[in-house]
């Protein structure tokens, strides 16, 4: 073996792996590469394991998605943009609660009604946020939860009517207590504040819809709510036919009904609803989570108009709506 004195200063300054002759123990280049990759793999493994060994969380909030859906993803992206926290998404399964108990995050986000039903019963020890959950799932407040129901704020229904139609004095609402009772009453309250009379009729089953809808005559508009009894395919067909024959404009919760004969639609802006829920989460985490069961409705909606229906029903619409065609929900 050559003595150190036999190696020039320039050679000593070269990287050790530049030439296998100067690698410790005289290892071959192939062996050097093998050792190098081993070191890299080991370092990567340590980076993955250390957070778990130290008890660090992968994310502040675990979002449990009811199913794969672009709308759910849009809501989650909106939540991420405003919550001021890190979010990890997992898909719904019966084993999710146990997984969360093993490595609890700061809070859990239920995305969709199915995930909410699972988590509200199984995760009472953690703060629970929610989005894309139907109002019918939120009738009984869950004290460790807060979020935004998948329904447009009641005031937007009334403000949209006043901003769109020249004359609104009386409106009709068909609902079922199980699915939309509290929601219908909230809309009724908003109507009374604006001097509008709301006629509410309760359906105890989908079969009652045809009989009940026949009782709506002298009204300026009918509000079609997101209610499983009232908004199923058969019931909607009865409602559309009756309102068309009696020249009653329909305001629906979805623009899909415009093709069937509705005059106006109020569609939830999903990303905005996610942002709204994120703001609630940020405030609650900053203040220390409060167990209030606070619920909000979506504060914005995309309003669409079917002008062909307006002409056929001879509905007098405000000029501002005719110019814009499609407008955002009122924010006042």
C-alpha atoms as a PDB file:
ATOM      1  CA  UNK A   1       0.000   0.000   0.000  1.00  0.00           C
ATOM      2  CA  UNK A   2       1.375   3.391  -0.926  1.00  0.00           C
ATOM      3  CA  UNK A   3       2.422   5.542   2.013  1.00  0.00           C
ATOM      4  CA  UNK A   4       0.750   8.895   2.600  1.00  0.00           C
ATOM      5  CA  UNK A   5       4.010  10.554   1.727  1.00  0.00           C
ATOM      6  CA  UNK A   6       3.753   9.031  -1.754  1.00  0.00           C
ATOM      7  CA  UNK A   7       0.484  10.852  -2.513  1.00  0.00           C
ATOM      8  CA  UNK A   8       0.694  14.379  -3.774  1.00  0.00           C
ATOM      9  CA  UNK A   9      -1.110  17.240  -2.031  1.00  0.00           C
ATOM     10  CA  UNK A  10      -3.243  17.739  -5.149  1.00  0.00           C
ATOM     11  CA  UNK A  11      -4.404  14.140  -5.035  1.00  0.00           C
ATOM     12  CA  UNK A  12      -5.316  14.417  -1.369  1.00  0.00           C
ATOM     13  CA  UNK A  13      -7.572  17.380  -2.117  1.00  0.00           C
ATOM     14  CA  UNK A  14      -9.685  15.396  -4.610  1.00  0.00           C
ATOM     15  CA  UNK A  15     -13.029  13.904  -3.500  1.00  0.00           C
ATOM     16  CA  UNK A  16     -12.516  10.478  -2.025  1.00  0.00           C
ATOM     17  CA  UNK A  17     -14.893   8.811  -4.421  1.00  0.00           C
ATOM     18  CA  UNK A  18     -13.411  10.385  -7.552  1.00  0.00           C
ATOM     19  CA  UNK A  19     -11.097   7.389  -7.858  1.00  0.00           C
ATOM     20  CA  UNK A  20     -11.547   4.009  -6.196  1.00  0.00           C
ATOM     21  CA  UNK A  21      -7.807   3.832  -5.467  1.00  0.00           C
ATOM     22  CA  UNK A  22      -8.218   6.482  -2.744  1.00  0.00           C
ATOM     23  CA  UNK A  23     -11.562   5.196  -1.326  1.00  0.00           C
ATOM     24  CA  UNK A  24     -11.173   3.739   2.183  1.00  0.00           C
ATOM     25  CA  UNK A  25     -10.271   0.079   2.160  1.00  0.00           C
ATOM     26  CA  UNK A  26      -9.889   0.191  -1.578  1.00  0.00           C
ATOM     27  CA  UNK A  27     -13.591  -0.440  -2.403  1.00  0.00           C
ATOM     28  CA  UNK A  28     -14.607  -0.705  -6.051  1.00  0.00           C
ATOM     29  CA  UNK A  29     -16.706   1.975  -7.760  1.00  0.00           C
ATOM     30  CA  UNK A  30     -19.678  -0.419  -7.849  1.00  0.00           C
ATOM     31  CA  UNK A  31     -19.411  -0.956  -4.108  1.00  0.00           C
ATOM     32  CA  UNK A  32     -19.111   2.784  -3.545  1.00  0.00           C
ATOM     33  CA  UNK A  33     -22.350   3.448  -5.466  1.00  0.00           C
ATOM     34  CA  UNK A  34     -24.104   0.727  -3.510  1.00  0.00           C
ATOM     35  CA  UNK A  35     -23.048   2.287  -0.207  1.00  0.00           C
ATOM     36  CA  UNK A  36     -24.025   5.752  -1.396  1.00  0.00           C
ATOM     37  CA  UNK A  37     -27.576   4.643  -2.293  1.00  0.00           C
ATOM     38  CA  UNK A  38     -27.827   2.819   1.005  1.00  0.00           C
ATOM     39  CA  UNK A  39     -27.006   6.000   2.877  1.00  0.00           C
ATOM     40  CA  UNK A  40     -29.574   7.992   0.871  1.00  0.00           C
ATOM     41  CA  UNK A  41     -32.312   5.377   1.455  1.00  0.00           C
ATOM     42  CA  UNK A  42     -31.532   5.240   5.164  1.00  0.00           C
ATOM     43  CA  UNK A  43     -31.721   9.000   5.507  1.00  0.00           C
ATOM     44  CA  UNK A  44     -35.078   9.087   3.703  1.00  0.00           C
ATOM     45  CA  UNK A  45     -36.438   6.333   5.952  1.00  0.00           C
ATOM     46  CA  UNK A  46     -35.377   8.246   9.052  1.00  0.00           C
ATOM     47  CA  UNK A  47     -37.161  11.382   7.799  1.00  0.00           C
ATOM     48  CA  UNK A  48     -40.362   9.359   7.420  1.00  0.00           C
ATOM     49  CA  UNK A  49     -40.154   7.566  10.774  1.00  0.00           C
ATOM     50  CA  UNK A  50     -38.978  10.360  13.084  1.00  0.00           C
ATOM     51  CA  UNK A  51     -42.257  12.381  13.020  1.00  0.00           C
ATOM     52  CA  UNK A  52     -44.201   9.318  14.161  1.00  0.00           C
ATOM     53  CA  UNK A  53     -41.652   8.430  16.849  1.00  0.00           C
ATOM     54  CA  UNK A  54     -41.760  11.987  18.176  1.00  0.00           C
ATOM     55  CA  UNK A  55     -45.589  12.084  18.198  1.00  0.00           C
ATOM     56  CA  UNK A  56     -45.804  14.773  15.466  1.00  0.00           C
ATOM     57  CA  UNK A  57     -49.017  14.884  13.419  1.00  0.00           C
ATOM     58  CA  UNK A  58     -49.099  14.508   9.676  1.00  0.00           C
ATOM     59  CA  UNK A  59     -51.687  17.340   9.542  1.00  0.00           C
ATOM     60  CA  UNK A  60     -53.658  19.629  11.861  1.00  0.00           C
ATOM     61  CA  UNK A  61     -57.011  18.603  10.364  1.00  0.00           C
ATOM     62  CA  UNK A  62     -57.987  15.257   8.833  1.00  0.00           C
ATOM     63  CA  UNK A  63     -60.691  15.697   6.180  1.00  0.00           C
ATOM     64  CA  UNK A  64     -62.899  12.622   5.781  1.00  0.00           C
ATOM     65  CA  UNK A  65     -64.499  12.609   2.345  1.00  0.00           C
ATOM     66  CA  UNK A  66     -67.837  10.773   1.947  1.00  0.00           C
ATOM     67  CA  UNK A  67     -66.825   9.710  -1.545  1.00  0.00           C
ATOM     68  CA  UNK A  68     -64.603  10.801  -4.383  1.00  0.00           C
ATOM     69  CA  UNK A  69     -66.211  13.846  -5.962  1.00  0.00           C
ATOM     70  CA  UNK A  70     -64.958  16.964  -7.692  1.00  0.00           C
ATOM     71  CA  UNK A  71     -67.402  19.028  -5.636  1.00  0.00           C
ATOM     72  CA  UNK A  72     -66.049  17.635  -2.393  1.00  0.00           C
ATOM     73  CA  UNK A  73     -62.520  18.360  -3.607  1.00  0.00           C
ATOM     74  CA  UNK A  74     -63.495  21.938  -4.462  1.00  0.00           C
ATOM     75  CA  UNK A  75     -64.956  22.377  -0.979  1.00  0.00           C
ATOM     76  CA  UNK A  76     -61.795  20.982   0.624  1.00  0.00           C
ATOM     77  CA  UNK A  77     -59.579  23.271  -1.455  1.00  0.00           C
ATOM     78  CA  UNK A  78     -61.656  26.243  -0.329  1.00  0.00           C
ATOM     79  CA  UNK A  79     -61.327  25.121   3.294  1.00  0.00           C
ATOM     80  CA  UNK A  80     -57.547  24.798   2.961  1.00  0.00           C
ATOM     81  CA  UNK A  81     -57.253  28.317   1.546  1.00  0.00           C
ATOM     82  CA  UNK A  82     -58.695  29.997   4.638  1.00  0.00           C
ATOM     83  CA  UNK A  83     -58.339  27.689   7.651  1.00  0.00           C
ATOM     84  CA  UNK A  84     -54.672  28.534   8.297  1.00  0.00           C
ATOM     85  CA  UNK A  85     -53.960  24.855   8.977  1.00  0.00           C
ATOM     86  CA  UNK A  86     -52.555  21.780   7.295  1.00  0.00           C
ATOM     87  CA  UNK A  87     -55.134  19.314   5.935  1.00  0.00           C
ATOM     88  CA  UNK A  88     -54.870  15.639   5.047  1.00  0.00           C
ATOM     89  CA  UNK A  89     -57.675  13.983   3.052  1.00  0.00           C
ATOM     90  CA  UNK A  90     -58.838  10.411   3.659  1.00  0.00           C
ATOM     91  CA  UNK A  91     -61.789   8.575   2.140  1.00  0.00           C
ATOM     92  CA  UNK A  92     -64.751   7.296   4.110  1.00  0.00           C
ATOM     93  CA  UNK A  93     -64.470   3.849   5.712  1.00  0.00           C
ATOM     94  CA  UNK A  94     -65.712   2.226   8.907  1.00  0.00           C
ATOM     95  CA  UNK A  95     -62.139   2.121  10.201  1.00  0.00           C
ATOM     96  CA  UNK A  96     -61.532   5.871  10.027  1.00  0.00           C
ATOM     97  CA  UNK A  97     -62.595   6.668  13.643  1.00  0.00           C
ATOM     98  CA  UNK A  98     -60.169   4.087  15.054  1.00  0.00           C
ATOM     99  CA  UNK A  99     -57.371   5.465  12.866  1.00  0.00           C
ATOM    100  CA  UNK A 100     -58.072   8.967  14.186  1.00  0.00           C
ATOM    101  CA  UNK A 101     -58.076   7.776  17.792  1.00  0.00           C
ATOM    102  CA  UNK A 102     -54.664   6.137  17.364  1.00  0.00           C
ATOM    103  CA  UNK A 103     -53.091   9.346  16.059  1.00  0.00           C
ATOM    104  CA  UNK A 104     -55.526  12.198  16.832  1.00  0.00           C
ATOM    105  CA  UNK A 105     -55.264  15.448  14.857  1.00  0.00           C
ATOM    106  CA  UNK A 106     -56.279  18.841  16.238  1.00  0.00           C
ATOM    107  CA  UNK A 107     -59.671  18.493  14.550  1.00  0.00           C
ATOM    108  CA  UNK A 108     -61.642  16.508  11.989  1.00  0.00           C
ATOM    109  CA  UNK A 109     -63.473  17.797   8.881  1.00  0.00           C
ATOM    110  CA  UNK A 110     -66.513  15.864   7.638  1.00  0.00           C
ATOM    111  CA  UNK A 111     -67.074  16.393   3.918  1.00  0.00           C
ATOM    112  CA  UNK A 112     -70.561  15.241   2.999  1.00  0.00           C
ATOM    113  CA  UNK A 113     -73.499  13.844   4.974  1.00  0.00           C
ATOM    114  CA  UNK A 114     -72.250  10.254   5.047  1.00  0.00           C
ATOM    115  CA  UNK A 115     -68.951  11.202   6.659  1.00  0.00           C
ATOM    116  CA  UNK A 116     -70.728  13.511   9.106  1.00  0.00           C
ATOM    117  CA  UNK A 117     -73.061  10.746  10.297  1.00  0.00           C
ATOM    118  CA  UNK A 118     -70.076   8.497  10.981  1.00  0.00           C
ATOM    119  CA  UNK A 119     -67.932  11.071  12.752  1.00  0.00           C
ATOM    120  CA  UNK A 120     -70.569  12.803  14.885  1.00  0.00           C
ATOM    121  CA  UNK A 121     -71.239   9.531  16.710  1.00  0.00           C
ATOM    122  CA  UNK A 122     -67.711   8.166  16.856  1.00  0.00           C
ATOM    123  CA  UNK A 123     -65.528  11.255  17.368  1.00  0.00           C
ATOM    124  CA  UNK A 124     -67.184  13.191  20.200  1.00  0.00           C
ATOM    125  CA  UNK A 125     -63.812  13.826  21.830  1.00  0.00           C
ATOM    126  CA  UNK A 126     -62.419  15.867  18.894  1.00  0.00           C
ATOM    127  CA  UNK A 127     -63.573  19.186  17.364  1.00  0.00           C
ATOM    128  CA  UNK A 128     -65.643  18.381  14.282  1.00  0.00           C
ATOM    129  CA  UNK A 129     -65.996  20.753  11.319  1.00  0.00           C
ATOM    130  CA  UNK A 130     -68.286  20.020   8.365  1.00  0.00           C
ATOM    131  CA  UNK A 131     -69.146  21.097   4.832  1.00  0.00           C
ATOM    132  CA  UNK A 132     -71.471  19.728   2.128  1.00  0.00           C
ATOM    133  CA  UNK A 133     -73.834  18.336   4.792  1.00  0.00           C
ATOM    134  CA  UNK A 134     -77.601  18.521   4.220  1.00  0.00           C
ATOM    135  CA  UNK A 135     -79.618  20.612   6.717  1.00  0.00           C
ATOM    136  CA  UNK A 136     -81.658  17.526   7.636  1.00  0.00           C
ATOM    137  CA  UNK A 137     -78.521  15.994   9.163  1.00  0.00           C
ATOM    138  CA  UNK A 138     -78.069  19.036  11.418  1.00  0.00           C
ATOM    139  CA  UNK A 139     -81.477  19.208  13.085  1.00  0.00           C
ATOM    140  CA  UNK A 140     -80.077  18.086  16.439  1.00  0.00           C
ATOM    141  CA  UNK A 141     -76.965  20.197  17.177  1.00  0.00           C
ATOM    142  CA  UNK A 142     -73.756  18.289  17.823  1.00  0.00           C
ATOM    143  CA  UNK A 143     -72.009  20.281  20.529  1.00  0.00           C
ATOM    144  CA  UNK A 144     -68.454  19.551  19.397  1.00  0.00           C
ATOM    145  CA  UNK A 145     -69.213  20.583  15.811  1.00  0.00           C
ATOM    146  CA  UNK A 146     -69.410  23.716  13.699  1.00  0.00           C
ATOM    147  CA  UNK A 147     -69.643  24.225   9.956  1.00  0.00           C
ATOM    148  CA  UNK A 148     -71.668  25.209   6.897  1.00  0.00           C
ATOM    149  CA  UNK A 149     -74.807  23.362   5.800  1.00  0.00           C
ATOM    150  CA  UNK A 150     -75.216  22.536   2.104  1.00  0.00           C
ATOM    151  CA  UNK A 151     -78.015  25.061   1.621  1.00  0.00           C
ATOM    152  CA  UNK A 152     -78.187  28.700   0.592  1.00  0.00           C
ATOM    153  CA  UNK A 153     -78.712  31.180   3.437  1.00  0.00           C
ATOM    154  CA  UNK A 154     -82.464  31.898   3.885  1.00  0.00           C
ATOM    155  CA  UNK A 155     -82.023  35.649   3.367  1.00  0.00           C
ATOM    156  CA  UNK A 156     -80.629  34.992  -0.138  1.00  0.00           C
ATOM    157  CA  UNK A 157     -83.900  33.367  -1.248  1.00  0.00           C
ATOM    158  CA  UNK A 158     -85.856  36.459  -0.234  1.00  0.00           C
ATOM    159  CA  UNK A 159     -83.288  39.013  -1.433  1.00  0.00           C
ATOM    160  CA  UNK A 160     -83.069  37.268  -4.820  1.00  0.00           C
ATOM    161  CA  UNK A 161     -86.832  37.410  -5.243  1.00  0.00           C
ATOM    162  CA  UNK A 162     -86.925  41.119  -4.398  1.00  0.00           C
ATOM    163  CA  UNK A 163     -83.980  41.851  -6.683  1.00  0.00           C
ATOM    164  CA  UNK A 164     -85.431  39.825  -9.598  1.00  0.00           C
ATOM    165  CA  UNK A 165     -89.212  40.290  -9.639  1.00  0.00           C
ATOM    166  CA  UNK A 166     -91.016  43.608  -9.770  1.00  0.00           C
ATOM    167  CA  UNK A 167     -93.697  42.520  -7.333  1.00  0.00           C
ATOM    168  CA  UNK A 168     -93.488  39.893  -4.573  1.00  0.00           C
ATOM    169  CA  UNK A 169     -96.137  39.875  -1.842  1.00  0.00           C
ATOM    170  CA  UNK A 170     -96.849  36.201  -1.200  1.00  0.00           C
ATOM    171  CA  UNK A 171     -94.761  33.050  -1.654  1.00  0.00           C
ATOM    172  CA  UNK A 172     -95.409  29.322  -1.232  1.00  0.00           C
ATOM    173  CA  UNK A 173     -93.146  26.766   0.439  1.00  0.00           C
ATOM    174  CA  UNK A 174     -93.697  23.011   0.609  1.00  0.00           C
ATOM    175  CA  UNK A 175     -91.539  21.150   3.115  1.00  0.00           C
ATOM    176  CA  UNK A 176     -91.216  18.069   5.319  1.00  0.00           C
ATOM    177  CA  UNK A 177     -90.361  18.490   8.982  1.00  0.00           C
ATOM    178  CA  UNK A 178     -87.738  15.755   8.863  1.00  0.00           C
ATOM    179  CA  UNK A 179     -85.812  17.155   5.906  1.00  0.00           C
ATOM    180  CA  UNK A 180     -86.295  20.927   5.858  1.00  0.00           C
ATOM    181  CA  UNK A 181     -88.560  22.041   8.673  1.00  0.00           C
ATOM    182  CA  UNK A 182     -86.158  24.417  10.421  1.00  0.00           C
ATOM    183  CA  UNK A 183     -84.847  25.670   7.060  1.00  0.00           C
ATOM    184  CA  UNK A 184     -88.358  26.520   5.836  1.00  0.00           C
ATOM    185  CA  UNK A 185     -89.095  28.401   9.063  1.00  0.00           C
ATOM    186  CA  UNK A 186     -85.856  30.383   8.717  1.00  0.00           C
ATOM    187  CA  UNK A 187     -86.926  31.439   5.211  1.00  0.00           C
ATOM    188  CA  UNK A 188     -90.370  32.344   6.546  1.00  0.00           C
ATOM    189  CA  UNK A 189     -88.747  34.583   9.165  1.00  0.00           C
ATOM    190  CA  UNK A 190     -86.659  36.347   6.524  1.00  0.00           C
ATOM    191  CA  UNK A 191     -89.749  36.859   4.365  1.00  0.00           C
ATOM    192  CA  UNK A 192     -91.705  38.462   7.212  1.00  0.00           C
ATOM    193  CA  UNK A 193     -88.809  40.847   7.873  1.00  0.00           C
ATOM    194  CA  UNK A 194     -89.129  42.071   4.278  1.00  0.00           C
ATOM    195  CA  UNK A 195     -92.920  42.349   4.336  1.00  0.00           C
ATOM    196  CA  UNK A 196     -93.577  39.146   2.368  1.00  0.00           C
ATOM    197  CA  UNK A 197     -96.158  36.570   3.453  1.00  0.00           C
ATOM    198  CA  UNK A 198     -95.007  32.959   3.227  1.00  0.00           C
ATOM    199  CA  UNK A 199     -97.551  30.138   3.021  1.00  0.00           C
ATOM    200  CA  UNK A 200     -95.989  26.944   4.389  1.00  0.00           C
ATOM    201  CA  UNK A 201     -97.482  23.478   3.880  1.00  0.00           C
ATOM    202  CA  UNK A 202     -95.985  20.330   5.375  1.00  0.00           C
ATOM    203  CA  UNK A 203     -95.703  17.025   3.513  1.00  0.00           C
ATOM    204  CA  UNK A 204     -95.495  13.934   5.710  1.00  0.00           C
ATOM    205  CA  UNK A 205     -94.505  11.742   2.770  1.00  0.00           C
ATOM    206  CA  UNK A 206     -93.670  12.184  -0.938  1.00  0.00           C
ATOM    207  CA  UNK A 207     -97.117  10.835  -1.807  1.00  0.00           C
ATOM    208  CA  UNK A 208     -98.757  13.940  -0.301  1.00  0.00           C
ATOM    209  CA  UNK A 209     -96.950  16.363  -2.659  1.00  0.00           C
ATOM    210  CA  UNK A 210     -99.480  16.230  -5.571  1.00  0.00           C
ATOM    211  CA  UNK A 211    -102.395  16.987  -3.239  1.00  0.00           C
ATOM    212  CA  UNK A 212    -100.604  19.752  -1.344  1.00  0.00           C
ATOM    213  CA  UNK A 213     -99.233  21.538  -4.417  1.00  0.00           C
ATOM    214  CA  UNK A 214    -102.819  21.908  -5.716  1.00  0.00           C
ATOM    215  CA  UNK A 215    -103.530  24.183  -2.741  1.00  0.00           C
ATOM    216  CA  UNK A 216    -101.070  26.850  -3.913  1.00  0.00           C
ATOM    217  CA  UNK A 217    -102.837  29.338  -6.181  1.00  0.00           C
ATOM    218  CA  UNK A 218    -102.698  33.031  -5.369  1.00  0.00           C
ATOM    219  CA  UNK A 219     -98.931  33.345  -4.818  1.00  0.00           C
ATOM    220  CA  UNK A 220     -96.242  35.346  -6.614  1.00  0.00           C
ATOM    221  CA  UNK A 221     -93.589  32.606  -6.462  1.00  0.00           C
ATOM    222  CA  UNK A 222     -93.039  29.044  -5.258  1.00  0.00           C
ATOM    223  CA  UNK A 223     -89.785  28.128  -3.502  1.00  0.00           C
ATOM    224  CA  UNK A 224     -88.561  24.596  -4.252  1.00  0.00           C
ATOM    225  CA  UNK A 225     -86.320  23.597  -1.338  1.00  0.00           C
ATOM    226  CA  UNK A 226     -83.666  20.845  -1.188  1.00  0.00           C
ATOM    227  CA  UNK A 227     -86.013  18.392   0.529  1.00  0.00           C
ATOM    228  CA  UNK A 228     -86.001  14.651  -0.240  1.00  0.00           C
ATOM    229  CA  UNK A 229     -89.815  14.446  -0.033  1.00  0.00           C
ATOM    230  CA  UNK A 230     -90.452  17.478  -2.233  1.00  0.00           C
ATOM    231  CA  UNK A 231     -87.556  17.421  -4.701  1.00  0.00           C
ATOM    232  CA  UNK A 232     -87.702  13.813  -5.915  1.00  0.00           C
ATOM    233  CA  UNK A 233     -88.311  13.333  -9.640  1.00  0.00           C
ATOM    234  CA  UNK A 234     -92.023  12.510  -9.455  1.00  0.00           C
ATOM    235  CA  UNK A 235     -92.831  15.327  -7.031  1.00  0.00           C
ATOM    236  CA  UNK A 236     -90.902  17.891  -9.087  1.00  0.00           C
ATOM    237  CA  UNK A 237     -92.883  16.947 -12.192  1.00  0.00           C
ATOM    238  CA  UNK A 238     -96.170  17.596 -10.356  1.00  0.00           C
ATOM    239  CA  UNK A 239     -94.885  20.910  -9.030  1.00  0.00           C
ATOM    240  CA  UNK A 240     -93.672  22.068 -12.441  1.00  0.00           C
ATOM    241  CA  UNK A 241     -96.939  21.199 -14.145  1.00  0.00           C
ATOM    242  CA  UNK A 242     -99.145  22.868 -11.523  1.00  0.00           C
ATOM    243  CA  UNK A 243     -97.059  26.050 -11.389  1.00  0.00           C
ATOM    244  CA  UNK A 244     -96.909  26.329 -15.174  1.00  0.00           C
ATOM    245  CA  UNK A 245    -100.674  25.943 -15.509  1.00  0.00           C
ATOM    246  CA  UNK A 246    -101.265  28.580 -12.829  1.00  0.00           C
ATOM    247  CA  UNK A 247     -98.482  30.907 -14.051  1.00  0.00           C
ATOM    248  CA  UNK A 248     -96.535  30.667 -10.802  1.00  0.00           C
ATOM    249  CA  UNK A 249     -92.771  31.241 -11.166  1.00  0.00           C
ATOM    250  CA  UNK A 250     -90.589  28.669  -9.415  1.00  0.00           C
ATOM    251  CA  UNK A 251     -87.345  29.451  -7.603  1.00  0.00           C
ATOM    252  CA  UNK A 252     -85.272  26.286  -7.171  1.00  0.00           C
ATOM    253  CA  UNK A 253     -82.110  25.273  -5.322  1.00  0.00           C
ATOM    254  CA  UNK A 254     -80.510  23.908  -8.507  1.00  0.00           C
ATOM    255  CA  UNK A 255     -80.134  25.137 -12.077  1.00  0.00           C
ATOM    256  CA  UNK A 256     -80.989  21.637 -13.327  1.00  0.00           C
ATOM    257  CA  UNK A 257     -84.611  22.585 -12.704  1.00  0.00           C
ATOM    258  CA  UNK A 258     -84.407  25.523 -15.131  1.00  0.00           C
ATOM    259  CA  UNK A 259     -84.660  23.045 -18.005  1.00  0.00           C
ATOM    260  CA  UNK A 260     -87.834  21.636 -16.449  1.00  0.00           C
ATOM    261  CA  UNK A 261     -89.542  25.013 -16.122  1.00  0.00           C
ATOM    262  CA  UNK A 262     -88.158  26.858 -13.100  1.00  0.00           C
ATOM    263  CA  UNK A 263     -87.675  30.615 -13.493  1.00  0.00           C
ATOM    264  CA  UNK A 264     -84.751  31.145 -11.110  1.00  0.00           C
ATOM    265  CA  UNK A 265     -82.156  28.921  -9.479  1.00  0.00           C
ATOM    266  CA  UNK A 266     -79.910  29.462  -6.484  1.00  0.00           C
ATOM    267  CA  UNK A 267     -76.882  27.193  -6.698  1.00  0.00           C
ATOM    268  CA  UNK A 268     -74.365  26.939  -3.891  1.00  0.00           C
ATOM    269  CA  UNK A 269     -70.882  28.151  -4.821  1.00  0.00           C
ATOM    270  CA  UNK A 270     -68.985  25.162  -3.482  1.00  0.00           C
ATOM    271  CA  UNK A 271     -65.465  26.678  -3.247  1.00  0.00           C
ATOM    272  CA  UNK A 272     -66.909  29.703  -1.415  1.00  0.00           C
ATOM    273  CA  UNK A 273     -68.696  27.421   1.026  1.00  0.00           C
ATOM    274  CA  UNK A 274     -65.380  25.672   1.706  1.00  0.00           C
ATOM    275  CA  UNK A 275     -63.739  29.031   2.388  1.00  0.00           C
ATOM    276  CA  UNK A 276     -66.557  29.955   4.752  1.00  0.00           C
ATOM    277  CA  UNK A 277     -66.072  26.716   6.721  1.00  0.00           C
ATOM    278  CA  UNK A 278     -62.316  27.329   6.778  1.00  0.00           C
ATOM    279  CA  UNK A 279     -62.859  30.746   8.319  1.00  0.00           C
ATOM    280  CA  UNK A 280     -65.044  29.196  11.032  1.00  0.00           C
ATOM    281  CA  UNK A 281     -62.348  26.621  11.743  1.00  0.00           C
ATOM    282  CA  UNK A 282     -59.609  29.240  11.903  1.00  0.00           C
ATOM    283  CA  UNK A 283     -61.573  31.350  14.360  1.00  0.00           C
ATOM    284  CA  UNK A 284     -62.378  28.386  16.587  1.00  0.00           C
ATOM    285  CA  UNK A 285     -58.789  27.137  16.650  1.00  0.00           C
ATOM    286  CA  UNK A 286     -57.498  30.604  17.450  1.00  0.00           C
ATOM    287  CA  UNK A 287     -59.920  31.082  20.337  1.00  0.00           C
ATOM    288  CA  UNK A 288     -59.731  27.555  21.662  1.00  0.00           C
ATOM    289  CA  UNK A 289     -62.454  25.332  20.251  1.00  0.00           C
ATOM    290  CA  UNK A 290     -65.892  26.239  21.535  1.00  0.00           C
ATOM    291  CA  UNK A 291     -68.523  23.533  21.908  1.00  0.00           C
ATOM    292  CA  UNK A 292     -71.578  25.331  20.626  1.00  0.00           C
ATOM    293  CA  UNK A 293     -72.899  23.302  17.720  1.00  0.00           C
ATOM    294  CA  UNK A 294     -72.871  26.509  15.662  1.00  0.00           C
ATOM    295  CA  UNK A 295     -74.258  26.117  12.141  1.00  0.00           C
ATOM    296  CA  UNK A 296     -74.162  28.483   9.202  1.00  0.00           C
ATOM    297  CA  UNK A 297     -75.744  28.402   5.756  1.00  0.00           C
ATOM    298  CA  UNK A 298     -73.845  29.095   2.544  1.00  0.00           C
ATOM    299  CA  UNK A 299     -73.523  32.879   2.330  1.00  0.00           C
ATOM    300  CA  UNK A 300     -73.262  33.086  -1.478  1.00  0.00           C
ATOM    301  CA  UNK A 301     -75.147  31.598  -4.415  1.00  0.00           C
ATOM    302  CA  UNK A 302     -74.973  31.699  -8.194  1.00  0.00           C
ATOM    303  CA  UNK A 303     -78.321  32.933  -9.509  1.00  0.00           C
ATOM    304  CA  UNK A 304     -79.453  31.806 -12.974  1.00  0.00           C
ATOM    305  CA  UNK A 305     -82.541  32.880 -14.928  1.00  0.00           C
ATOM    306  CA  UNK A 306     -84.666  31.110 -17.550  1.00  0.00           C
ATOM    307  CA  UNK A 307     -85.935  34.003 -19.668  1.00  0.00           C
ATOM    308  CA  UNK A 308     -88.087  31.756 -21.879  1.00  0.00           C
ATOM    309  CA  UNK A 309     -90.106  30.774 -18.832  1.00  0.00           C
ATOM    310  CA  UNK A 310     -90.367  34.434 -17.820  1.00  0.00           C
ATOM    311  CA  UNK A 311     -91.933  35.252 -21.209  1.00  0.00           C
ATOM    312  CA  UNK A 312     -94.327  32.304 -21.166  1.00  0.00           C
ATOM    313  CA  UNK A 313     -95.535  33.089 -17.647  1.00  0.00           C
ATOM    314  CA  UNK A 314     -95.546  36.841 -18.379  1.00  0.00           C
ATOM    315  CA  UNK A 315     -93.468  37.475 -15.273  1.00  0.00           C
ATOM    316  CA  UNK A 316     -92.456  41.079 -14.763  1.00  0.00           C
ATOM    317  CA  UNK A 317     -88.753  41.017 -14.016  1.00  0.00           C
ATOM    318  CA  UNK A 318     -86.553  43.904 -13.023  1.00  0.00           C
ATOM    319  CA  UNK A 319     -84.567  45.487 -15.813  1.00  0.00           C
ATOM    320  CA  UNK A 320     -81.275  44.990 -13.986  1.00  0.00           C
ATOM    321  CA  UNK A 321     -81.763  41.192 -14.079  1.00  0.00           C
ATOM    322  CA  UNK A 322     -82.657  41.222 -17.761  1.00  0.00           C
ATOM    323  CA  UNK A 323     -79.420  43.009 -18.557  1.00  0.00           C
ATOM    324  CA  UNK A 324     -77.204  40.672 -16.582  1.00  0.00           C
ATOM    325  CA  UNK A 325     -78.894  37.354 -17.231  1.00  0.00           C
ATOM    326  CA  UNK A 326     -76.857  35.532 -14.626  1.00  0.00           C
ATOM    327  CA  UNK A 327     -76.101  37.306 -11.386  1.00  0.00           C
ATOM    328  CA  UNK A 328     -74.466  36.564  -8.060  1.00  0.00           C
ATOM    329  CA  UNK A 329     -76.572  36.167  -4.985  1.00  0.00           C
ATOM    330  CA  UNK A 330     -77.264  39.379  -3.065  1.00  0.00           C
ATOM    331  CA  UNK A 331     -74.722  40.111  -0.349  1.00  0.00           C
ATOM    332  CA  UNK A 332     -76.602  42.747   1.653  1.00  0.00           C
END
